[in-house]
Amino acid sequence: MKLFLLKLFTWWNGQTFGTQLWTWRFGELVGEDEQGNRYFRTKGRKIDPSLGFERRWVVYNGYAEATRVPPSWHGWLHHTVDVAPTEETYKPHEWEKPHIPNMTGTPAAYRPSGSTRVTVASLYSFPAMVLNHFPRSVSRAVLQDGSKF
């Protein structure tokens, strides 16, 4: 019952019930990327009269985050290229890096030096004499892992 309600009311957990029904009726699977996202287009490559081109969409594997779409599939979804990555023999150049989704807002986000975000590791890097100048409440703080500072 919980899964049914999630499919009915949430759009960020894969696909909704409406998308699942639309995909079942009008979609054909084109391919899948390395993250498990599945890509569809209208059956028989029919042109949608209201759009003037075929519909293409993605069903995310898990959380719906647009940056999880690799560049090759992004180009196909946005009609930049006509041939899907599964229909061509593309070999990446040696200088190309593998696709990484945007990690902003997650613990894996990039934090440059001088960032205002304080991490536990940066607290340990303070010299002892600097810590002695903090008020007692700050210098005796308990860290998230339970150890005393």
N, C-alpha and C. Protein backbone atom coordinates (compact mmCIF):
# COMPACT_ATOMS: atom_id res chain seq x y z
N MET A 1 0.83 -1.20 0.00
CA MET A 1 0.00 0.00 0.00
C MET A 1 0.87 1.25 0.00
N LYS A 2 1.97 1.21 0.79
CA LYS A 2 2.85 2.38 0.87
C LYS A 2 3.46 2.69 -0.50
N LEU A 3 3.93 1.64 -1.21
CA LEU A 3 4.52 1.85 -2.53
C LEU A 3 3.50 2.43 -3.50
N PHE A 4 2.26 1.97 -3.42
CA PHE A 4 1.20 2.48 -4.30
C PHE A 4 0.98 3.97 -4.05
N LEU A 5 0.91 4.37 -2.79
CA LEU A 5 0.70 5.78 -2.46
C LEU A 5 1.91 6.62 -2.87
N LEU A 6 3.11 6.10 -2.70
CA LEU A 6 4.30 6.82 -3.14
C LEU A 6 4.28 7.04 -4.65
N LYS A 7 3.92 6.01 -5.41
CA LYS A 7 3.85 6.15 -6.87
C LYS A 7 2.75 7.12 -7.29
N LEU A 8 1.68 7.16 -6.51
CA LEU A 8 0.55 8.00 -6.86
C LEU A 8 0.82 9.48 -6.58
N PHE A 9 1.52 9.78 -5.49
CA PHE A 9 1.64 11.17 -5.05
C PHE A 9 3.05 11.77 -5.13
N THR A 10 4.08 11.00 -5.35
CA THR A 10 5.43 11.58 -5.39
C THR A 10 6.03 11.45 -6.77
N TRP A 11 6.71 12.47 -7.21
CA TRP A 11 7.35 12.46 -8.52
C TRP A 11 8.85 12.26 -8.39
N TRP A 12 9.41 12.40 -7.21
CA TRP A 12 10.86 12.34 -7.05
C TRP A 12 11.38 10.93 -6.79
N ASN A 13 10.52 9.96 -6.62
CA ASN A 13 10.93 8.57 -6.39
C ASN A 13 10.70 7.73 -7.64
N GLY A 14 11.51 7.89 -8.65
CA GLY A 14 11.34 7.12 -9.88
C GLY A 14 10.26 7.70 -10.74
N GLN A 15 9.17 6.97 -10.92
CA GLN A 15 8.08 7.46 -11.76
C GLN A 15 6.76 7.40 -11.01
N THR A 16 5.88 8.33 -11.37
CA THR A 16 4.56 8.33 -10.77
C THR A 16 3.68 7.29 -11.48
N PHE A 17 2.49 7.08 -10.93
CA PHE A 17 1.55 6.14 -11.54
C PHE A 17 1.17 6.61 -12.95
N GLY A 18 0.99 7.93 -13.11
CA GLY A 18 0.63 8.48 -14.42
C GLY A 18 1.74 8.28 -15.45
N THR A 19 2.98 8.48 -15.04
CA THR A 19 4.10 8.27 -15.94
C THR A 19 4.23 6.79 -16.29
N GLN A 20 4.00 5.94 -15.31
CA GLN A 20 4.08 4.50 -15.56
C GLN A 20 3.00 4.07 -16.57
N LEU A 21 1.80 4.61 -16.42
CA LEU A 21 0.71 4.29 -17.34
C LEU A 21 1.01 4.83 -18.74
N TRP A 22 1.49 6.06 -18.83
CA TRP A 22 1.83 6.68 -20.12
C TRP A 22 2.94 5.88 -20.81
N THR A 23 3.94 5.48 -20.05
CA THR A 23 5.06 4.72 -20.60
C THR A 23 4.59 3.36 -21.09
N TRP A 24 3.71 2.72 -20.35
CA TRP A 24 3.19 1.41 -20.75
C TRP A 24 2.38 1.51 -22.04
N ARG A 25 1.57 2.56 -22.16
CA ARG A 25 0.69 2.70 -23.33
C ARG A 25 1.40 3.22 -24.56
N PHE A 26 2.24 4.25 -24.40
CA PHE A 26 2.77 4.95 -25.56
C PHE A 26 4.29 4.88 -25.72
N GLY A 27 4.99 4.30 -24.77
CA GLY A 27 6.45 4.35 -24.83
C GLY A 27 7.11 3.06 -25.23
N GLU A 28 8.29 3.21 -25.83
CA GLU A 28 9.14 2.05 -26.11
C GLU A 28 10.52 2.33 -25.51
N LEU A 29 11.08 1.31 -24.91
CA LEU A 29 12.38 1.43 -24.25
C LEU A 29 13.46 1.60 -25.29
N VAL A 30 14.28 2.62 -25.13
CA VAL A 30 15.39 2.88 -26.04
C VAL A 30 16.68 2.33 -25.45
N GLY A 31 16.86 2.53 -24.16
CA GLY A 31 18.08 2.04 -23.54
C GLY A 31 18.16 2.39 -22.07
N GLU A 32 19.29 2.01 -21.47
CA GLU A 32 19.53 2.23 -20.06
C GLU A 32 20.97 2.69 -19.90
N ASP A 33 21.19 3.62 -18.98
CA ASP A 33 22.57 4.08 -18.75
C ASP A 33 23.21 3.31 -17.61
N GLU A 34 24.45 3.67 -17.28
CA GLU A 34 25.21 2.95 -16.25
C GLU A 34 24.64 3.13 -14.85
N GLN A 35 23.79 4.14 -14.63
CA GLN A 35 23.20 4.36 -13.32
C GLN A 35 21.83 3.68 -13.17
N GLY A 36 21.37 3.05 -14.24
CA GLY A 36 20.09 2.35 -14.18
C GLY A 36 18.90 3.18 -14.63
N ASN A 37 19.13 4.42 -15.07
CA ASN A 37 18.04 5.24 -15.62
C ASN A 37 17.61 4.64 -16.95
N ARG A 38 16.30 4.61 -17.20
CA ARG A 38 15.77 4.04 -18.43
C ARG A 38 15.21 5.15 -19.31
N TYR A 39 15.47 5.08 -20.62
CA TYR A 39 15.10 6.12 -21.57
C TYR A 39 14.07 5.58 -22.54
N PHE A 40 13.04 6.40 -22.80
CA PHE A 40 11.92 5.99 -23.64
C PHE A 40 11.64 7.03 -24.71
N ARG A 41 10.93 6.59 -25.75
CA ARG A 41 10.38 7.48 -26.78
C ARG A 41 9.04 6.93 -27.20
N THR A 42 8.27 7.70 -27.96
CA THR A 42 6.96 7.23 -28.40
C THR A 42 7.11 6.03 -29.31
N LYS A 43 6.16 5.10 -29.21
CA LYS A 43 6.21 3.86 -30.00
C LYS A 43 6.23 4.20 -31.49
N GLY A 44 7.08 3.51 -32.21
CA GLY A 44 7.17 3.71 -33.65
C GLY A 44 7.74 5.05 -34.06
N ARG A 45 8.37 5.75 -33.14
CA ARG A 45 8.95 7.09 -33.41
C ARG A 45 7.92 8.05 -33.98
N LYS A 46 6.70 7.93 -33.50
CA LYS A 46 5.64 8.82 -33.99
C LYS A 46 5.91 10.26 -33.60
N ILE A 47 5.58 11.16 -34.50
CA ILE A 47 5.73 12.59 -34.25
C ILE A 47 4.48 13.07 -33.50
N ASP A 48 4.70 13.75 -32.39
CA ASP A 48 3.59 14.31 -31.63
C ASP A 48 3.09 15.55 -32.35
N PRO A 49 1.82 15.62 -32.77
CA PRO A 49 1.33 16.77 -33.53
C PRO A 49 1.40 18.08 -32.75
N SER A 50 1.27 18.03 -31.43
CA SER A 50 1.32 19.28 -30.67
C SER A 50 2.75 19.79 -30.51
N LEU A 51 3.74 18.90 -30.59
CA LEU A 51 5.14 19.31 -30.44
C LEU A 51 5.85 19.48 -31.77
N GLY A 52 5.52 18.63 -32.73
CA GLY A 52 6.21 18.65 -34.01
C GLY A 52 7.41 17.73 -34.04
N PHE A 53 7.65 16.98 -32.99
CA PHE A 53 8.74 15.99 -32.94
C PHE A 53 8.35 14.89 -31.97
N GLU A 54 9.15 13.83 -31.94
CA GLU A 54 8.81 12.71 -31.06
C GLU A 54 9.07 13.05 -29.60
N ARG A 55 8.29 12.47 -28.72
CA ARG A 55 8.50 12.65 -27.28
C ARG A 55 9.60 11.71 -26.81
N ARG A 56 10.46 12.21 -25.93
CA ARG A 56 11.50 11.42 -25.31
C ARG A 56 11.51 11.73 -23.82
N TRP A 57 11.66 10.70 -22.99
CA TRP A 57 11.67 10.93 -21.55
C TRP A 57 12.53 9.90 -20.85
N VAL A 58 12.83 10.21 -19.59
CA VAL A 58 13.67 9.34 -18.76
C VAL A 58 12.88 8.95 -17.51
N VAL A 59 13.06 7.70 -17.09
CA VAL A 59 12.53 7.23 -15.81
C VAL A 59 13.75 6.95 -14.95
N TYR A 60 13.90 7.75 -13.90
CA TYR A 60 15.09 7.66 -13.06
C TYR A 60 15.07 6.42 -12.19
N ASN A 61 16.24 5.88 -11.95
CA ASN A 61 16.40 4.76 -11.03
C ASN A 61 16.63 5.36 -9.65
N GLY A 62 15.56 5.49 -8.89
CA GLY A 62 15.67 6.13 -7.57
C GLY A 62 15.27 7.59 -7.64
N TYR A 63 16.01 8.40 -6.91
CA TYR A 63 15.70 9.83 -6.77
C TYR A 63 15.82 10.54 -8.12
N ALA A 64 14.83 11.35 -8.46
CA ALA A 64 14.81 12.08 -9.73
C ALA A 64 15.69 13.31 -9.63
N GLU A 65 16.86 13.24 -10.21
CA GLU A 65 17.83 14.33 -10.20
C GLU A 65 18.38 14.46 -11.62
N ALA A 66 18.13 15.61 -12.26
CA ALA A 66 18.48 15.80 -13.66
C ALA A 66 19.98 15.68 -13.93
N THR A 67 20.82 15.96 -12.95
CA THR A 67 22.26 15.87 -13.19
C THR A 67 22.75 14.43 -13.22
N ARG A 68 21.88 13.47 -12.96
CA ARG A 68 22.25 12.05 -13.06
C ARG A 68 22.20 11.55 -14.50
N VAL A 69 21.74 12.37 -15.42
CA VAL A 69 21.69 11.98 -16.84
C VAL A 69 23.06 12.27 -17.46
N PRO A 70 23.72 11.24 -18.02
CA PRO A 70 25.03 11.45 -18.65
C PRO A 70 24.91 12.34 -19.89
N PRO A 71 26.01 12.97 -20.32
CA PRO A 71 25.96 13.89 -21.46
C PRO A 71 25.43 13.27 -22.75
N SER A 72 25.77 12.02 -23.02
CA SER A 72 25.32 11.39 -24.27
C SER A 72 23.79 11.25 -24.28
N TRP A 73 23.20 10.84 -23.16
CA TRP A 73 21.74 10.72 -23.09
C TRP A 73 21.09 12.09 -23.01
N HIS A 74 21.75 13.07 -22.40
CA HIS A 74 21.20 14.43 -22.33
C HIS A 74 21.02 14.99 -23.74
N GLY A 75 22.02 14.78 -24.59
CA GLY A 75 21.93 15.25 -25.97
C GLY A 75 20.78 14.60 -26.72
N TRP A 76 20.57 13.32 -26.49
CA TRP A 76 19.47 12.62 -27.15
C TRP A 76 18.12 13.09 -26.62
N LEU A 77 17.99 13.25 -25.30
CA LEU A 77 16.72 13.70 -24.70
C LEU A 77 16.30 15.06 -25.22
N HIS A 78 17.26 15.94 -25.44
CA HIS A 78 16.96 17.31 -25.86
C HIS A 78 17.03 17.51 -27.37
N HIS A 79 17.02 16.40 -28.11
CA HIS A 79 17.00 16.43 -29.58
C HIS A 79 18.21 17.12 -30.18
N THR A 80 19.32 17.13 -29.46
CA THR A 80 20.57 17.66 -30.01
C THR A 80 21.14 16.66 -31.01
N VAL A 81 21.01 15.38 -30.69
CA VAL A 81 21.41 14.31 -31.61
C VAL A 81 20.20 13.42 -31.86
N ASP A 82 20.13 12.84 -33.04
CA ASP A 82 18.99 11.99 -33.40
C ASP A 82 19.19 10.53 -33.01
N VAL A 83 20.45 10.12 -32.90
CA VAL A 83 20.76 8.72 -32.63
C VAL A 83 21.01 8.54 -31.14
N ALA A 84 20.29 7.59 -30.56
CA ALA A 84 20.47 7.29 -29.13
C ALA A 84 21.84 6.64 -28.90
N PRO A 85 22.42 6.82 -27.72
CA PRO A 85 23.73 6.22 -27.44
C PRO A 85 23.76 4.70 -27.59
N THR A 86 22.63 4.03 -27.42
CA THR A 86 22.59 2.57 -27.57
C THR A 86 22.59 2.15 -29.04
N GLU A 87 22.26 3.08 -29.93
CA GLU A 87 22.18 2.76 -31.36
C GLU A 87 23.45 3.12 -32.11
N GLU A 88 24.44 3.62 -31.44
CA GLU A 88 25.70 3.98 -32.09
C GLU A 88 26.86 3.35 -31.33
N THR A 89 27.98 3.26 -32.00
CA THR A 89 29.17 2.72 -31.36
C THR A 89 30.09 3.88 -31.00
N TYR A 90 29.86 4.44 -29.86
CA TYR A 90 30.64 5.58 -29.39
C TYR A 90 31.70 5.09 -28.42
N LYS A 91 32.93 5.48 -28.66
CA LYS A 91 34.02 5.16 -27.76
C LYS A 91 34.54 6.48 -27.19
N PRO A 92 34.48 6.66 -25.87
CA PRO A 92 34.94 7.93 -25.30
C PRO A 92 36.45 8.12 -25.49
N HIS A 93 36.83 9.38 -25.60
CA HIS A 93 38.25 9.70 -25.72
C HIS A 93 38.95 9.42 -24.39
N GLU A 94 40.26 9.26 -24.45
CA GLU A 94 41.01 8.94 -23.22
C GLU A 94 40.99 10.09 -22.22
N TRP A 95 40.77 11.32 -22.67
CA TRP A 95 40.77 12.46 -21.77
C TRP A 95 39.40 12.72 -21.14
N GLU A 96 38.37 12.01 -21.57
CA GLU A 96 37.04 12.20 -21.01
C GLU A 96 36.91 11.50 -19.67
N LYS A 97 36.34 12.20 -18.71
CA LYS A 97 36.12 11.64 -17.38
C LYS A 97 34.73 11.01 -17.33
N PRO A 98 34.53 10.03 -16.44
CA PRO A 98 33.18 9.48 -16.29
C PRO A 98 32.24 10.51 -15.69
N HIS A 99 30.96 10.38 -16.01
CA HIS A 99 29.96 11.35 -15.55
C HIS A 99 29.72 11.21 -14.05
N ILE A 100 29.69 12.34 -13.35
CA ILE A 100 29.40 12.39 -11.93
C ILE A 100 28.24 13.36 -11.73
N PRO A 101 27.19 12.94 -11.03
CA PRO A 101 26.08 13.88 -10.80
C PRO A 101 26.49 15.02 -9.87
N ASN A 102 25.70 16.06 -9.85
CA ASN A 102 25.95 17.21 -8.98
C ASN A 102 25.78 16.79 -7.53
N MET A 103 26.79 17.02 -6.71
CA MET A 103 26.75 16.60 -5.31
C MET A 103 26.45 17.75 -4.35
N THR A 104 26.05 18.90 -4.86
CA THR A 104 25.73 20.03 -4.00
C THR A 104 24.62 19.65 -3.03
N GLY A 105 24.81 20.00 -1.76
CA GLY A 105 23.82 19.71 -0.74
C GLY A 105 23.97 18.34 -0.12
N THR A 106 24.97 17.59 -0.53
CA THR A 106 25.21 16.27 0.04
C THR A 106 26.53 16.30 0.82
N PRO A 107 26.80 15.31 1.63
CA PRO A 107 28.09 15.27 2.34
C PRO A 107 29.28 15.17 1.39
N ALA A 108 29.08 14.70 0.16
CA ALA A 108 30.16 14.57 -0.80
C ALA A 108 30.40 15.85 -1.61
N ALA A 109 29.75 16.95 -1.26
CA ALA A 109 29.89 18.20 -2.00
C ALA A 109 31.31 18.74 -1.88
N TYR A 110 31.75 19.44 -2.93
CA TYR A 110 33.08 20.03 -2.94
C TYR A 110 33.09 21.24 -2.01
N ARG A 111 34.08 21.30 -1.15
CA ARG A 111 34.25 22.44 -0.24
C ARG A 111 35.68 22.95 -0.39
N PRO A 112 35.87 24.06 -1.07
CA PRO A 112 37.23 24.58 -1.27
C PRO A 112 37.80 25.11 0.04
N SER A 113 39.11 25.30 0.06
CA SER A 113 39.73 25.86 1.25
C SER A 113 39.18 27.27 1.46
N GLY A 114 38.94 27.64 2.70
CA GLY A 114 38.35 28.94 2.99
C GLY A 114 36.83 28.90 3.02
N SER A 115 36.25 27.74 2.82
CA SER A 115 34.81 27.60 2.84
C SER A 115 34.28 27.88 4.24
N THR A 116 33.09 28.44 4.34
CA THR A 116 32.51 28.74 5.64
C THR A 116 31.92 27.50 6.29
N ARG A 117 31.81 26.44 5.55
CA ARG A 117 31.28 25.19 6.10
C ARG A 117 32.36 24.52 6.95
N VAL A 118 32.09 24.31 8.22
CA VAL A 118 33.05 23.71 9.13
C VAL A 118 32.84 22.21 9.16
N THR A 119 33.90 21.46 9.00
CA THR A 119 33.83 20.01 9.09
C THR A 119 34.58 19.55 10.33
N VAL A 120 34.33 18.35 10.77
CA VAL A 120 35.00 17.80 11.95
C VAL A 120 36.51 17.72 11.68
N ALA A 121 36.90 17.36 10.48
CA ALA A 121 38.33 17.25 10.15
C ALA A 121 39.02 18.60 10.29
N SER A 122 38.33 19.69 9.90
CA SER A 122 38.96 21.01 10.01
C SER A 122 39.09 21.44 11.47
N LEU A 123 38.22 20.95 12.36
CA LEU A 123 38.35 21.29 13.78
C LEU A 123 39.61 20.68 14.38
N TYR A 124 39.97 19.49 13.93
CA TYR A 124 41.16 18.83 14.45
C TYR A 124 42.44 19.48 13.94
N SER A 125 42.36 20.26 12.89
CA SER A 125 43.56 20.85 12.30
C SER A 125 44.00 22.15 12.99
N PHE A 126 43.19 22.68 13.94
CA PHE A 126 43.58 23.88 14.65
C PHE A 126 44.75 23.58 15.60
N PRO A 127 45.71 24.49 15.70
CA PRO A 127 46.77 24.30 16.69
C PRO A 127 46.19 24.41 18.11
N ALA A 128 46.81 23.75 19.05
CA ALA A 128 46.30 23.71 20.42
C ALA A 128 46.25 25.10 21.05
N MET A 129 47.23 25.95 20.78
CA MET A 129 47.24 27.26 21.42
C MET A 129 46.09 28.15 20.92
N VAL A 130 45.65 27.95 19.69
CA VAL A 130 44.51 28.72 19.17
C VAL A 130 43.25 28.30 19.90
N LEU A 131 43.10 27.00 20.17
CA LEU A 131 41.91 26.50 20.85
C LEU A 131 41.82 27.01 22.28
N ASN A 132 42.95 27.27 22.92
CA ASN A 132 42.94 27.76 24.30
C ASN A 132 42.37 29.18 24.40
N HIS A 133 42.30 29.91 23.28
CA HIS A 133 41.78 31.27 23.30
C HIS A 133 40.27 31.32 23.12
N PHE A 134 39.64 30.18 22.79
CA PHE A 134 38.19 30.14 22.67
C PHE A 134 37.57 30.12 24.06
N PRO A 135 36.33 30.58 24.18
CA PRO A 135 35.63 30.44 25.46
C PRO A 135 35.52 28.96 25.85
N ARG A 136 35.35 28.70 27.12
CA ARG A 136 35.31 27.34 27.64
C ARG A 136 34.23 26.49 26.95
N SER A 137 33.06 27.07 26.64
CA SER A 137 31.97 26.31 26.03
C SER A 137 32.35 25.81 24.63
N VAL A 138 33.14 26.60 23.91
CA VAL A 138 33.54 26.20 22.57
C VAL A 138 34.68 25.19 22.63
N SER A 139 35.66 25.41 23.50
CA SER A 139 36.81 24.53 23.54
C SER A 139 36.48 23.17 24.15
N ARG A 140 35.39 23.04 24.87
CA ARG A 140 34.98 21.76 25.46
C ARG A 140 33.82 21.14 24.69
N ALA A 141 33.63 21.55 23.46
CA ALA A 141 32.50 21.05 22.67
C ALA A 141 32.62 19.56 22.41
N VAL A 142 31.49 18.91 22.32
CA VAL A 142 31.47 17.49 22.00
C VAL A 142 31.19 17.38 20.52
N LEU A 143 32.02 16.63 19.81
CA LEU A 143 31.88 16.47 18.38
C LEU A 143 30.76 15.50 18.07
N GLN A 144 30.37 15.48 16.79
CA GLN A 144 29.25 14.63 16.35
C GLN A 144 29.51 13.16 16.62
N ASP A 145 30.75 12.73 16.54
CA ASP A 145 31.04 11.31 16.75
C ASP A 145 31.11 10.94 18.22
N GLY A 146 30.87 11.90 19.13
CA GLY A 146 30.84 11.64 20.55
C GLY A 146 32.12 11.92 21.29
N SER A 147 33.22 12.15 20.54
CA SER A 147 34.49 12.43 21.20
C SER A 147 34.52 13.88 21.67
N LYS A 148 35.27 14.14 22.74
CA LYS A 148 35.36 15.50 23.25
C LYS A 148 36.46 16.24 22.53
N PHE A 149 36.25 17.49 22.37
CA PHE A 149 37.18 18.35 21.63
C PHE A 149 38.23 18.88 22.57
